[in-house]
Protein backbone atom coordinates (compact mmCIF):
# COMPACT_ATOMS: atom_id res chain seq x y z
CA MET A 1 4.26 -11.93 10.47
CA ASP A 2 3.13 -9.55 13.21
CA SER A 3 3.05 -6.34 11.18
CA PRO A 4 2.81 -5.63 7.48
CA LEU A 5 5.88 -4.80 5.47
CA THR A 6 6.14 -1.10 4.74
CA GLY A 7 8.43 1.06 2.68
CA GLU A 8 7.00 0.49 -0.77
CA PRO A 9 4.92 3.11 -2.58
CA LEU A 10 1.90 3.86 -0.40
CA ALA A 11 -0.55 2.11 -2.74
CA LEU A 12 1.50 -1.10 -2.52
CA ASP A 13 1.79 -0.79 1.25
CA LEU A 14 -2.01 -0.59 1.33
CA ILE A 15 -2.41 -3.72 -0.82
CA ASN A 16 0.24 -5.51 1.22
CA THR A 17 -1.86 -5.13 4.37
CA LEU A 18 -3.67 -8.19 3.02
CA GLY A 19 -0.73 -10.54 3.17
CA GLY A 20 -0.22 -14.10 2.18
CA PRO A 21 3.03 -15.05 3.85
CA PRO A 22 4.11 -18.69 3.87
CA ASP A 23 2.55 -19.22 7.29
CA GLY A 24 -0.93 -18.31 6.02
CA PRO A 25 -3.08 -15.37 5.01
CA VAL A 26 -3.31 -12.37 7.31
CA ASP A 27 -5.28 -9.12 7.16
CA HIS A 28 -3.45 -6.26 8.81
CA LEU A 29 -6.60 -4.14 8.52
CA ALA A 30 -8.87 -6.63 10.26
CA THR A 31 -9.83 -4.28 13.12
CA VAL A 32 -9.84 -0.61 13.98
CA ASP A 33 -6.79 -1.26 16.20
CA THR A 34 -4.80 -2.81 13.36
CA LEU A 35 -5.79 0.10 11.09
CA ARG A 36 -4.53 2.50 13.76
CA GLY A 37 -1.23 0.59 13.93
CA TRP A 38 -0.81 0.69 10.16
CA LEU A 39 -1.55 4.42 10.11
CA ARG A 40 1.11 4.97 12.78
CA ALA A 41 3.60 3.08 10.60
CA GLN A 42 2.64 5.42 7.72
CA ALA A 43 2.76 8.62 9.83
CA HIS A 44 5.38 10.17 7.56
CA ARG A 45 3.01 9.85 4.56
CA LEU A 46 -0.54 9.96 5.87
CA PRO A 47 -2.56 12.24 8.12
CA GLN A 48 -2.97 10.87 11.62
CA PRO A 49 -6.35 10.67 13.32
CA GLU A 50 -7.12 13.24 15.98
CA ALA A 51 -10.27 11.43 17.11
CA PRO A 52 -10.83 7.71 17.66
CA LEU A 53 -11.14 5.67 14.47
CA THR A 54 -14.48 4.00 13.77
CA ASP A 55 -15.67 0.88 12.01
CA THR A 56 -16.83 3.18 9.18
CA ASP A 57 -13.23 4.40 8.75
CA LEU A 58 -12.06 0.79 8.63
CA VAL A 59 -14.66 -0.20 6.03
CA ALA A 60 -13.79 2.83 3.87
CA VAL A 61 -10.07 1.95 3.85
CA ARG A 62 -10.72 -1.75 3.22
CA ASP A 63 -13.12 -0.97 0.36
CA LEU A 64 -10.52 1.31 -1.19
CA ARG A 65 -7.84 -1.37 -0.72
CA LYS A 66 -10.00 -3.79 -2.70
CA ALA A 67 -10.43 -1.29 -5.54
CA VAL A 68 -6.70 -0.45 -5.61
CA ASP A 69 -5.76 -4.15 -5.61
CA THR A 70 -8.21 -4.89 -8.41
CA VAL A 71 -7.04 -2.05 -10.66
CA ILE A 72 -3.33 -2.67 -10.11
CA ASP A 73 -3.75 -6.42 -10.64
CA HIS A 74 -5.57 -5.88 -13.94
CA VAL A 75 -3.11 -3.25 -15.21
CA ARG A 76 -0.11 -5.43 -14.33
CA ARG A 77 -1.63 -8.25 -16.39
CA GLY A 78 -2.38 -5.90 -19.29
CA ALA A 79 -6.13 -6.31 -18.78
CA GLU A 80 -8.76 -3.61 -18.60
CA PRO A 81 -9.74 -2.94 -14.99
CA PRO A 82 -13.43 -3.06 -14.07
CA VAL A 83 -15.14 0.30 -14.51
CA SER A 84 -16.49 0.05 -10.95
CA ALA A 85 -12.96 -0.16 -9.50
CA LEU A 86 -11.72 2.76 -11.63
CA ARG A 87 -14.74 4.78 -10.59
CA ALA A 88 -14.16 3.93 -6.92
CA LEU A 89 -10.60 5.29 -7.12
CA SER A 90 -11.68 8.45 -8.92
CA GLU A 91 -14.52 9.12 -6.50
CA ALA A 92 -12.28 8.51 -3.49
CA ASP A 93 -9.70 10.97 -4.83
CA ARG A 94 -12.42 13.64 -5.14
CA LEU A 95 -13.53 13.28 -1.49
CA ALA A 96 -10.94 15.80 -0.33
CA PRO A 97 -9.41 17.71 -3.26
CA PRO A 98 -5.79 18.68 -2.76
CA TYR A 99 -4.52 22.23 -2.73
CA ARG A 100 -1.04 23.65 -2.39
CA SER A 101 0.02 25.80 0.48
CA LEU A 102 3.03 28.10 0.57
CA GLY A 103 5.25 28.68 3.57
CA TRP A 104 8.68 30.00 4.43
CA GLU A 105 11.33 27.76 5.94
CA ASP A 106 15.11 28.10 6.20
CA GLY A 107 15.19 31.15 3.93
CA GLN A 108 13.15 29.68 1.10
CA VAL A 109 9.60 29.14 -0.07
CA VAL A 110 8.21 25.71 0.81
CA VAL A 111 5.25 24.20 -1.05
CA SER A 112 3.14 21.57 0.65
CA ALA A 113 0.08 19.67 -0.53
CA GLU A 114 -2.87 19.64 1.81
CA ARG A 115 -6.48 18.45 1.74
CA THR A 116 -9.61 19.72 3.41
CA GLY A 117 -12.42 17.62 4.80
CA ASP A 118 -13.12 15.22 7.61
CA TYR A 119 -10.47 12.68 8.56
CA ARG A 120 -11.99 9.73 6.71
CA SER A 121 -12.32 11.74 3.49
CA THR A 122 -8.76 13.09 3.63
CA LEU A 123 -7.34 9.64 4.45
CA VAL A 124 -9.21 7.84 1.69
CA ALA A 125 -8.44 10.62 -0.80
CA ALA A 126 -4.74 10.52 0.05
CA LEU A 127 -4.66 6.73 -0.43
CA ALA A 128 -6.57 6.96 -3.72
CA SER A 129 -4.23 9.69 -4.93
CA ALA A 130 -1.21 7.51 -4.15
CA ALA A 131 -2.75 4.67 -6.16
CA ILE A 132 -3.51 6.98 -9.08
CA ASP A 133 0.10 8.25 -9.03
CA LEU A 134 1.39 4.67 -9.12
CA LEU A 135 -0.98 3.79 -11.97
CA ALA A 136 0.13 6.86 -13.93
CA GLY A 137 3.78 6.00 -13.37
CA PRO A 138 5.76 2.88 -12.60
CA VAL A 139 2.93 0.33 -12.22
CA VAL A 140 4.35 -1.87 -14.99
CA SER A 141 7.52 -2.32 -12.89
CA VAL A 142 5.60 -3.65 -9.87
CA ARG A 143 6.52 -7.26 -9.10
CA SER A 144 5.09 -10.06 -7.02
CA CYS A 145 7.33 -11.66 -4.44
CA GLU A 146 8.78 -14.97 -5.61
CA GLY A 147 8.63 -16.42 -2.12
CA PRO A 148 6.45 -19.55 -1.93
CA GLY A 149 2.92 -18.60 -0.92
CA CYS A 150 3.74 -14.89 -0.62
CA ARG A 151 1.40 -12.41 -2.31
CA MET A 152 3.29 -9.21 -1.46
CA LEU A 153 3.95 -6.66 -4.17
CA PHE A 154 6.98 -4.40 -4.45
CA LEU A 155 8.56 -1.83 -6.73
CA PRO A 156 12.15 -2.99 -7.19
CA ALA A 157 14.90 -0.42 -6.84
CA HIS A 158 17.24 -2.99 -8.37
CA PRO A 159 16.31 -5.14 -11.40
CA ARG A 160 17.47 -8.35 -9.68
CA ARG A 161 15.21 -7.98 -6.64
CA ARG A 162 13.01 -11.07 -6.32
CA TRP A 163 11.47 -10.99 -2.84
CA CYS A 164 9.35 -8.64 -0.79
CA SER A 165 11.99 -8.85 1.92
CA PRO A 166 15.39 -10.49 1.72
CA ASP A 167 15.16 -11.17 5.46
CA LEU A 168 11.83 -13.01 5.22
CA CYS A 169 11.03 -14.61 1.89
CA GLY A 170 14.57 -14.35 0.55
CA ASN A 171 15.94 -16.14 3.57
CA ARG A 172 13.25 -18.86 3.39
CA VAL A 173 14.11 -19.56 -0.25
CA ARG A 174 17.85 -19.65 0.45
CA VAL A 175 17.36 -22.00 3.42
CA ALA A 176 15.13 -24.30 1.34
CA ARG A 177 17.74 -24.42 -1.44
CA TYR A 178 20.49 -25.18 1.07
CA TYR A 179 18.37 -27.94 2.61
CA GLN A 180 17.69 -29.47 -0.83
CA ARG A 181 21.42 -29.47 -1.69
CA HIS A 182 22.49 -31.04 1.61
CA ARG A 183 19.60 -33.38 2.23
CA SER A 184 21.32 -36.57 1.21
């Protein structure tokens, strides 16, 4: 898998950058370049860097990913998350407090949420905020992909959804079932 799956709630897309597809584990945030690529894929939801990203930016996002993964994993299992992970999310959200801004567009008032601070702070705060929103909402509906060896998480729009991607894991499962039926 060359790039991470995207399109889930932002917190899940962040967790899913550490993938475990059938062909082996992969970290889509292994380098500053892969972080930049992931941020481009999330351009409609996240601020984009105006200056070159640094290793410190990468470490901050990866540390937050670990905290988000830990908290969501515990909550999904009905277990109390570690205080350190909860604190990490709360502190990250406070790095760049949000405020609302009013504008006028197409004959009506438009409200947008913005954050102030340096790029790393606004990025990490936006990611933490997305995780907090998921935890305060539909986290109990989050599912793990049923594909063999896949660790991707998703929020199903349909109750019968079983795979992170019908084209990837879904297809692999269907092909394996077909092979088993026609093997003899």
